[in-house]
Structure formats: structure tokens, C-alpha cells
C-alpha atoms as a PDB file:
ATOM      1  CA  MET A   1     103.550  84.050  93.339  1.00  0.00           C
ATOM      2  CA  VAL A   2     102.004  84.887  90.003  1.00  0.00           C
ATOM      3  CA  GLY A   3      98.339  84.064  89.794  1.00  0.00           C
ATOM      4  CA  SER A   4      98.159  82.770  93.343  1.00  0.00           C
ATOM      5  CA  GLY A   5      97.702  85.905  95.369  1.00  0.00           C
ATOM      6  CA  HIS A   6      96.947  89.553  95.781  1.00  0.00           C
ATOM      7  CA  LEU A   7      99.328  92.269  94.632  1.00  0.00           C
ATOM      8  CA  GLY A   8      99.771  95.418  96.688  1.00  0.00           C
ATOM      9  CA  VAL A   9     102.166  98.262  97.367  1.00  0.00           C
ATOM     10  CA  VAL A  10     103.513  99.181 100.785  1.00  0.00           C
ATOM     11  CA  SER A  11     105.276 102.510 101.402  1.00  0.00           C
ATOM     12  CA  PHE A  12     107.322 103.763 104.347  1.00  0.00           C
ATOM     13  CA  GLU A  13     108.374 107.393 104.788  1.00  0.00           C
ATOM     14  CA  ILE A  14     112.112 107.615 105.536  1.00  0.00           C
ATOM     15  CA  ASP A  15     113.658 111.055 106.053  1.00  0.00           C
ATOM     16  CA  SER A  16     111.389 112.578 103.388  1.00  0.00           C
ATOM     17  CA  GLN A  17     112.197 109.721 100.971  1.00  0.00           C
ATOM     18  CA  THR A  18     109.669 107.053 100.100  1.00  0.00           C
ATOM     19  CA  LEU A  19     110.699 103.413 100.069  1.00  0.00           C
ATOM     20  CA  ARG A  20     108.463 101.485  97.665  1.00  0.00           C
ATOM     21  CA  LEU A  21     107.960  97.768  98.189  1.00  0.00           C
ATOM     22  CA  GLN A  22     105.779  95.288  96.338  1.00  0.00           C
ATOM     23  CA  LEU A  23     103.823  92.824  98.476  1.00  0.00           C
ATOM     24  CA  ASP A  24     102.797  89.463  96.968  1.00  0.00           C
ATOM     25  CA  LEU A  25     100.460  87.356  99.104  1.00  0.00           C
ATOM     26  CA  MET A  26      99.377  83.768  98.517  1.00  0.00           C
ATOM     27  CA  LYS A  27      95.602  83.673  98.446  1.00  0.00           C
ATOM     28  CA  ASP A  28      94.034  81.737 101.326  1.00  0.00           C
ATOM     29  CA  ALA A  29      97.422  80.765 102.836  1.00  0.00           C
ATOM     30  CA  GLU A  30      97.270  80.028 106.553  1.00  0.00           C
ATOM     31  CA  PRO A  31      99.303  81.477 108.104  1.00  0.00           C
ATOM     32  CA  ILE A  32      99.884  84.465 105.841  1.00  0.00           C
ATOM     33  CA  LYS A  33     102.607  83.698 103.271  1.00  0.00           C
ATOM     34  CA  GLY A  34     104.210  85.568 100.389  1.00  0.00           C
ATOM     35  CA  SER A  35     107.116  87.813  99.500  1.00  0.00           C
ATOM     36  CA  VAL A  36     108.100  91.463  99.551  1.00  0.00           C
ATOM     37  CA  ARG A  37     110.042  92.808  96.548  1.00  0.00           C
ATOM     38  CA  ASP A  38     112.440  95.668  97.078  1.00  0.00           C
ATOM     39  CA  ALA A  39     113.192  98.466  94.585  1.00  0.00           C
ATOM     40  CA  ALA A  40     115.696  96.209  92.797  1.00  0.00           C
ATOM     41  CA  GLY A  41     112.999  93.552  92.329  1.00  0.00           C
ATOM     42  CA  THR A  42     114.586  91.103  94.757  1.00  0.00           C
ATOM     43  CA  ALA A  43     112.003  88.891  96.466  1.00  0.00           C
ATOM     44  CA  HIS A  44     112.192  88.468 100.243  1.00  0.00           C
ATOM     45  CA  PRO A  45     109.904  85.547 101.186  1.00  0.00           C
ATOM     46  CA  PHE A  46     108.068  85.305 104.521  1.00  0.00           C
ATOM     47  CA  THR A  47     105.662  82.982 106.317  1.00  0.00           C
ATOM     48  CA  GLY A  48     103.537  84.370 109.140  1.00  0.00           C
ATOM     49  CA  TRP A  49     102.863  87.861 110.433  1.00  0.00           C
ATOM     50  CA  LEU A  50     106.070  88.037 112.470  1.00  0.00           C
ATOM     51  CA  GLU A  51     108.281  87.239 109.473  1.00  0.00           C
ATOM     52  CA  LEU A  52     106.354  89.797 107.377  1.00  0.00           C
ATOM     53  CA  VAL A  53     106.974  92.508 109.965  1.00  0.00           C
ATOM     54  CA  GLN A  54     110.639  91.470 110.322  1.00  0.00           C
ATOM     55  CA  THR A  55     111.061  91.599 106.542  1.00  0.00           C
ATOM     56  CA  LEU A  56     109.497  95.061 106.338  1.00  0.00           C
ATOM     57  CA  GLU A  57     111.631  96.334 109.217  1.00  0.00           C
ATOM     58  CA  ARG A  58     114.820  94.933 107.636  1.00  0.00           C
ATOM     59  CA  LEU A  59     114.026  96.505 104.262  1.00  0.00           C
ATOM     60  CA  ARG A  60     113.118  99.789 105.912  1.00  0.00           C
ATOM     61  CA  ALA A  61     116.415  99.791 107.823  1.00  0.00           C
ATOM     62  CA  ASP A  62     118.360  98.975 104.643  1.00  0.00           C
ATOM     63  CA  GLY A  63     116.913 102.065 102.940  1.00  0.00           C
ATOM     64  CA  ALA A  64     117.932 102.517  99.319  1.00  0.00           C
ATOM     65  CA  THR A  65     118.379  99.178  97.584  1.00  0.00           C
ATOM     66  CA  THR A  66     119.555 100.147  94.092  1.00  0.00           C
ATOM     67  CA  GLU A  67     122.387 102.304  92.812  1.00  0.00           C
ATOM     68  CA  GLU A  68     119.852 104.705  91.304  1.00  0.00           C
ATOM     69  CA  ASP A  69     118.117 105.066  94.679  1.00  0.00           C
ATOM     70  CA  ARG A  70     121.454 105.821  96.385  1.00  0.00           C
ATOM     71  CA  ARG A  71     122.188 108.861  94.155  1.00  0.00           C
END
């Protein structure tokens, strides 16, 4: 969503490890729309607050998403 939204970082604390996610939001989208990128850079698109929360919960449950993170 380059150029069309706001860029932010969301962090969750998991067993003393931090999971870093990148949040891309489409500016002025109604309902909220965008994607969350995991540590591997994979985009997980969502539309609406419920899908955003579901995406964050799924990524949080998945934990480490790259081989480097798993070491």
C-alpha cells in the first residue's frame, strides 16, 4: 500500500520475546483496510477491525516467522 496509507509498528510481548509487525493502512478507507507484514515481510491483508484483530491474533499465535527468529 505504498503511498496510500500510514506506516506503523505494532509489538506484542511473547514470553520475553518481542514479535515485530509492520502495519500498513489505506488512508481514509472505510472500513479500515490494509495489511500486516510479519518478520519475514509477508503481507497479511485485512478489511475491517475484526479481520485486523484476527490477523494480529493469528500472527501472535504463530510466534517466530523466520528461521533466524526460531534460533
